[in-house]
Amino acid sequence: MNYQYIRYEVDDGVATLTLNRPDVLNSFHRLMADETIDALRRAADDPAVRAVVLTGAGRAFCAGQDLQAVLPREGEPAPDLGEIVRAQYNPIIRRIRHTEKPFVAAVNGAAAGAGANIALACDFVVAAENASFIQAFSRIGLIPDSGGTFLLPRLVGLARATALTMLAEKLLAPEAHAMGLIYRVCPADRLMDEALALARRLAAMPTRALGMIKRALNRSFTNDLDAQLELEAELQAEAGRTHDYQEGVAAFLEKRAPVFQGR
């Protein structure tokens, strides 16, 4: 697929996916969603990609849904918003959460609505000091989608999640960091350097193990203790059969830095 509304590049084991509709704050329409889903599939399937950075062009990360794209045409019924969520946003969230590679969101500005929840679905969120997060849905009579009602209570607790989603107040990056919603805040001019450095660090790690950690964390949302303990045993057995485990042990015994290959 040729991309018109995103940019996608791979360098040094890191895929960088940039939402690229800066004139509308990188808000989504169907074509940009399709391109994003395709790029996420490429990143998942490419063995050369060991970590992914997701960011936005211009002054925003992503303003969520482009409302102009879902306005009813004259004489036609209004679009089914549920079908739009199923077609555009659910596949993006599933790709981010179920691709067993680390994802870093580099939030360069406003992250609103679905844009905020796409960022929060990533494993690490690094935000510029001037970035902001807003669950804007209730301002127009909607509910959070793109995993917002699932992720927010688990990230910050029910009370804060309720306030964020119902009141739809803007949350500045330092506030988001203070409440544990995001991983790191940095100066705007350092954002991509820090996000890429983190992604390269992750890409050089035993990424099979990182993927299994992600799988276990995902399952912890629904497992009880006994099921999670058994999953840990199963994944530990799988990890113990990897090349990277053998390399890690050998490097430890030989007192040298390990060279992991993600297998």
Protein backbone atom coordinates (compact mmCIF):
# COMPACT_ATOMS: atom_id res chain seq x y z
CA MET A 1 0.00 0.00 0.00
CA ASN A 2 1.23 3.50 -0.88
CA TYR A 3 0.77 5.86 2.03
CA GLN A 4 -0.70 9.33 1.62
CA TYR A 5 -1.78 10.18 5.16
CA ILE A 6 0.95 8.55 7.23
CA ARG A 7 4.71 8.15 7.01
CA TYR A 8 6.39 4.84 7.74
CA GLU A 9 10.10 4.16 7.94
CA VAL A 10 12.35 1.54 9.48
CA ASP A 11 15.84 2.26 10.79
CA ASP A 12 18.10 0.40 13.17
CA GLY A 13 15.37 -2.07 14.19
CA VAL A 14 12.80 0.66 14.90
CA ALA A 15 9.72 1.38 12.79
CA THR A 16 8.46 4.96 13.05
CA LEU A 17 4.83 5.53 12.08
CA THR A 18 3.90 9.22 11.79
CA LEU A 19 0.27 10.29 11.45
CA ASN A 20 0.44 12.88 8.70
CA ARG A 21 -2.63 15.09 8.36
CA PRO A 22 -1.21 18.08 10.23
CA ASP A 23 -3.73 20.53 8.72
CA VAL A 24 -6.50 18.77 10.73
CA LEU A 25 -4.33 17.88 13.76
CA ASN A 26 -3.86 14.35 12.41
CA SER A 27 -7.50 13.48 12.95
CA PHE A 28 -8.62 10.21 11.42
CA HIS A 29 -10.71 9.53 8.39
CA ARG A 30 -11.17 6.09 6.88
CA LEU A 31 -8.19 6.25 4.51
CA MET A 32 -5.75 7.29 7.24
CA ALA A 33 -7.10 4.54 9.47
CA ASP A 34 -6.64 1.97 6.69
CA GLU A 35 -3.06 3.12 6.11
CA THR A 36 -2.31 3.01 9.84
CA ILE A 37 -3.70 -0.51 10.16
CA ASP A 38 -1.62 -1.62 7.17
CA ALA A 39 1.56 -0.08 8.58
CA LEU A 40 0.97 -1.73 11.97
CA ARG A 41 0.54 -5.06 10.20
CA ARG A 42 3.83 -4.51 8.35
CA ALA A 43 5.61 -3.71 11.61
CA ALA A 44 4.17 -6.83 13.23
CA ASP A 45 5.19 -9.09 10.37
CA ASP A 46 8.66 -7.66 9.67
CA PRO A 47 11.38 -9.51 11.64
CA ALA A 48 13.68 -6.52 11.12
CA VAL A 49 11.31 -4.40 13.22
CA ARG A 50 11.92 -4.94 16.94
CA ALA A 51 10.23 -1.81 18.31
CA VAL A 52 7.72 0.75 17.04
CA VAL A 53 7.42 4.51 17.57
CA LEU A 54 4.06 6.18 16.94
CA THR A 55 3.92 9.98 16.62
CA GLY A 56 2.19 12.82 14.80
CA ALA A 57 3.29 15.44 12.28
CA GLY A 58 3.02 19.12 13.08
CA ARG A 59 1.69 20.52 16.34
CA ALA A 60 -0.59 17.65 17.42
CA PHE A 61 -0.29 13.94 18.06
CA CYS A 62 -3.87 13.14 17.00
CA ALA A 63 -7.18 14.92 17.52
CA GLY A 64 -9.21 11.71 17.20
CA GLN A 65 -11.98 11.36 14.66
CA ASP A 66 -12.28 13.90 11.84
CA LEU A 67 -15.90 14.92 12.45
CA GLN A 68 -16.23 16.32 8.94
CA ALA A 69 -15.73 12.78 7.64
CA VAL A 70 -18.71 11.40 9.56
CA LEU A 71 -21.26 14.16 9.00
CA PRO A 72 -24.39 12.80 7.26
CA ARG A 73 -24.75 13.70 3.62
CA GLU A 74 -27.92 15.49 2.59
CA GLY A 75 -30.78 13.04 2.22
CA GLU A 76 -28.81 10.13 3.72
CA PRO A 77 -28.92 8.60 7.20
CA ALA A 78 -26.17 9.43 9.66
CA PRO A 79 -23.21 7.04 9.62
CA ASP A 80 -23.24 4.26 12.21
CA LEU A 81 -20.53 5.36 14.64
CA GLY A 82 -20.27 1.86 16.06
CA GLU A 83 -19.32 0.51 12.67
CA ILE A 84 -16.72 3.26 12.29
CA VAL A 85 -15.22 2.29 15.64
CA ARG A 86 -15.16 -1.39 14.64
CA ALA A 87 -13.57 -0.67 11.25
CA GLN A 88 -11.11 2.09 12.12
CA TYR A 89 -10.13 2.15 15.77
CA ASN A 90 -10.57 -1.35 17.19
CA PRO A 91 -8.09 -2.86 14.70
CA ILE A 92 -5.50 -0.21 15.62
CA ILE A 93 -5.83 -0.87 19.35
CA ARG A 94 -5.72 -4.63 18.83
CA ARG A 95 -2.58 -4.33 16.70
CA ILE A 96 -0.81 -2.19 19.31
CA ARG A 97 -1.76 -4.42 22.24
CA HIS A 98 -1.38 -7.82 20.56
CA THR A 99 1.78 -7.23 18.53
CA GLU A 100 4.45 -8.72 20.75
CA LYS A 101 6.90 -5.90 20.18
CA PRO A 102 7.33 -2.78 22.35
CA PHE A 103 5.45 0.35 21.25
CA VAL A 104 6.52 3.88 22.20
CA ALA A 105 4.09 6.78 21.69
CA ALA A 106 5.90 10.09 21.17
CA VAL A 107 3.15 12.59 21.97
CA ASN A 108 4.20 15.88 20.45
CA GLY A 109 1.05 17.93 21.13
CA ALA A 110 -2.65 17.45 21.68
CA ALA A 111 -3.86 13.86 22.00
CA ALA A 112 -7.65 13.99 22.06
CA GLY A 113 -10.43 11.43 21.94
CA ALA A 114 -9.36 8.31 20.10
CA GLY A 115 -5.96 9.94 19.62
CA ALA A 116 -5.40 9.97 23.39
CA ASN A 117 -6.44 6.34 23.73
CA ILE A 118 -4.25 5.19 20.85
CA ALA A 119 -1.30 6.78 22.64
CA LEU A 120 -2.26 5.22 25.97
CA ALA A 121 -2.53 1.78 24.37
CA CYS A 122 1.21 1.89 23.69
CA ASP A 123 3.62 0.27 26.12
CA PHE A 124 5.44 3.54 26.79
CA VAL A 125 4.17 7.11 26.41
CA VAL A 126 6.80 9.83 26.16
CA ALA A 127 5.23 13.30 25.94
CA ALA A 128 6.51 16.77 25.24
CA GLU A 129 6.08 19.23 28.11
CA ASN A 130 3.47 21.13 26.08
CA ALA A 131 1.49 18.01 25.13
CA SER A 132 -1.98 17.38 26.49
CA PHE A 133 -4.49 14.54 26.81
CA ILE A 134 -8.24 14.92 26.73
CA GLN A 135 -11.07 12.41 26.71
CA ALA A 136 -13.17 14.75 24.57
CA PHE A 137 -16.03 12.35 23.86
CA SER A 138 -18.59 13.60 26.40
CA ARG A 139 -18.29 17.14 25.04
CA ILE A 140 -20.25 15.99 21.99
CA GLY A 141 -22.45 13.40 23.68
CA LEU A 142 -20.33 10.30 23.03
CA ILE A 143 -18.52 7.73 25.18
CA PRO A 144 -14.79 6.93 25.12
CA ASP A 145 -13.82 4.33 22.55
CA SER A 146 -10.50 2.92 21.30
CA GLY A 147 -10.07 1.10 24.58
CA GLY A 148 -10.51 4.17 26.78
CA THR A 149 -13.00 2.63 29.19
CA PHE A 150 -10.76 -0.45 29.48
CA LEU A 151 -7.34 1.17 29.85
CA LEU A 152 -8.03 4.29 31.90
CA PRO A 153 -9.36 2.60 35.07
CA ARG A 154 -6.40 0.23 34.98
CA LEU A 155 -3.91 3.06 34.53
CA VAL A 156 -5.21 5.60 37.06
CA GLY A 157 -8.06 3.95 39.00
CA LEU A 158 -11.82 4.24 38.72
CA ALA A 159 -12.22 7.64 40.40
CA ARG A 160 -9.74 9.42 38.15
CA ALA A 161 -10.93 7.56 35.06
CA THR A 162 -14.49 8.66 35.80
CA ALA A 163 -13.42 12.28 36.17
CA LEU A 164 -11.29 12.21 33.01
CA THR A 165 -14.03 10.67 30.86
CA MET A 166 -17.10 12.45 32.22
CA LEU A 167 -15.69 15.94 32.76
CA ALA A 168 -13.53 15.85 29.61
CA GLU A 169 -10.99 18.26 31.08
CA LYS A 170 -7.64 18.80 29.42
CA LEU A 171 -4.79 17.07 31.22
CA LEU A 172 -1.34 18.55 30.65
CA ALA A 173 1.59 16.18 30.20
CA PRO A 174 3.21 16.91 33.61
CA GLU A 175 -0.15 16.22 35.31
CA ALA A 176 -0.55 13.00 33.33
CA HIS A 177 2.92 11.93 34.42
CA ALA A 178 2.26 12.78 38.07
CA MET A 179 -0.82 10.54 38.17
CA GLY A 180 0.97 7.63 36.48
CA LEU A 181 -0.88 7.88 33.17
CA ILE A 182 2.28 8.21 31.06
CA TYR A 183 5.91 7.13 31.31
CA ARG A 184 7.98 10.28 30.77
CA VAL A 185 7.82 14.01 30.02
CA CYS A 186 10.61 15.85 28.24
CA PRO A 187 11.28 19.19 26.52
CA ALA A 188 9.53 19.42 23.16
CA ASP A 189 12.79 19.79 21.26
CA ARG A 190 14.05 16.54 22.80
CA LEU A 191 10.92 14.45 22.26
CA MET A 192 11.87 12.42 19.20
CA ASP A 193 15.45 11.95 20.37
CA GLU A 194 14.25 10.53 23.68
CA ALA A 195 11.49 8.40 22.12
CA LEU A 196 13.83 6.94 19.51
CA ALA A 197 16.56 6.33 22.08
CA LEU A 198 14.06 4.40 24.21
CA ALA A 199 12.85 2.44 21.18
CA ARG A 200 16.42 1.57 20.15
CA ARG A 201 17.18 0.46 23.70
CA LEU A 202 14.12 -1.80 23.64
CA ALA A 203 15.00 -3.10 20.16
CA ALA A 204 18.42 -4.19 21.45
CA MET A 205 16.86 -6.14 24.32
CA PRO A 206 15.59 -9.77 24.20
CA THR A 207 12.42 -8.81 22.35
CA ARG A 208 10.95 -12.30 22.43
CA ALA A 209 10.91 -11.98 26.22
CA LEU A 210 9.51 -8.44 26.00
CA GLY A 211 6.71 -9.73 23.79
CA MET A 212 5.91 -12.47 26.29
CA ILE A 213 5.88 -9.90 29.11
CA LYS A 214 3.35 -7.92 27.07
CA ARG A 215 1.26 -11.05 26.53
CA ALA A 216 1.27 -11.78 30.26
CA LEU A 217 0.31 -8.21 31.16
CA ASN A 218 -2.56 -8.31 28.66
CA ARG A 219 -3.85 -11.56 30.12
CA SER A 220 -3.56 -10.22 33.68
CA PHE A 221 -6.50 -7.93 32.92
CA THR A 222 -8.85 -10.92 32.88
CA ASN A 223 -7.04 -13.83 34.59
CA ASP A 224 -7.45 -14.76 38.23
CA LEU A 225 -4.32 -15.45 40.29
CA ASP A 226 -4.15 -19.17 39.59
CA ALA A 227 -4.57 -18.68 35.85
CA GLN A 228 -1.89 -15.98 35.84
CA LEU A 229 0.55 -18.13 37.79
CA GLU A 230 0.08 -20.96 35.29
CA LEU A 231 0.53 -18.54 32.37
CA GLU A 232 3.77 -17.30 33.92
CA ALA A 233 5.04 -20.87 34.18
CA GLU A 234 4.11 -21.57 30.54
CA LEU A 235 5.75 -18.39 29.27
CA GLN A 236 8.85 -18.95 31.38
CA ALA A 237 9.24 -22.37 29.80
CA GLU A 238 8.89 -20.77 26.35
CA ALA A 239 11.38 -18.02 27.23
CA GLY A 240 13.84 -20.62 28.50
CA ARG A 241 13.95 -22.20 25.05
CA THR A 242 14.91 -18.99 23.23
CA HIS A 243 18.29 -18.10 21.77
CA ASP A 244 18.25 -14.86 23.75
CA TYR A 245 18.00 -16.70 27.08
CA GLN A 246 21.01 -18.81 26.14
CA GLU A 247 22.89 -15.69 25.06
CA GLY A 248 21.94 -13.82 28.24
CA VAL A 249 23.22 -16.60 30.49
CA ALA A 250 26.40 -17.05 28.45
CA ALA A 251 27.10 -13.30 28.53
CA PHE A 252 26.55 -13.23 32.29
CA LEU A 253 28.97 -16.12 32.87
CA GLU A 254 31.54 -14.65 30.48
CA LYS A 255 31.19 -11.16 32.00
CA ARG A 256 30.42 -9.48 28.67
CA ALA A 257 27.54 -7.52 27.18
CA PRO A 258 24.89 -9.78 25.61
CA VAL A 259 23.99 -9.51 21.93
CA PHE A 260 20.29 -10.31 21.67
CA GLN A 261 18.66 -11.27 18.37
CA GLY A 262 14.98 -11.36 19.26
CA ARG A 263 14.68 -15.10 18.82
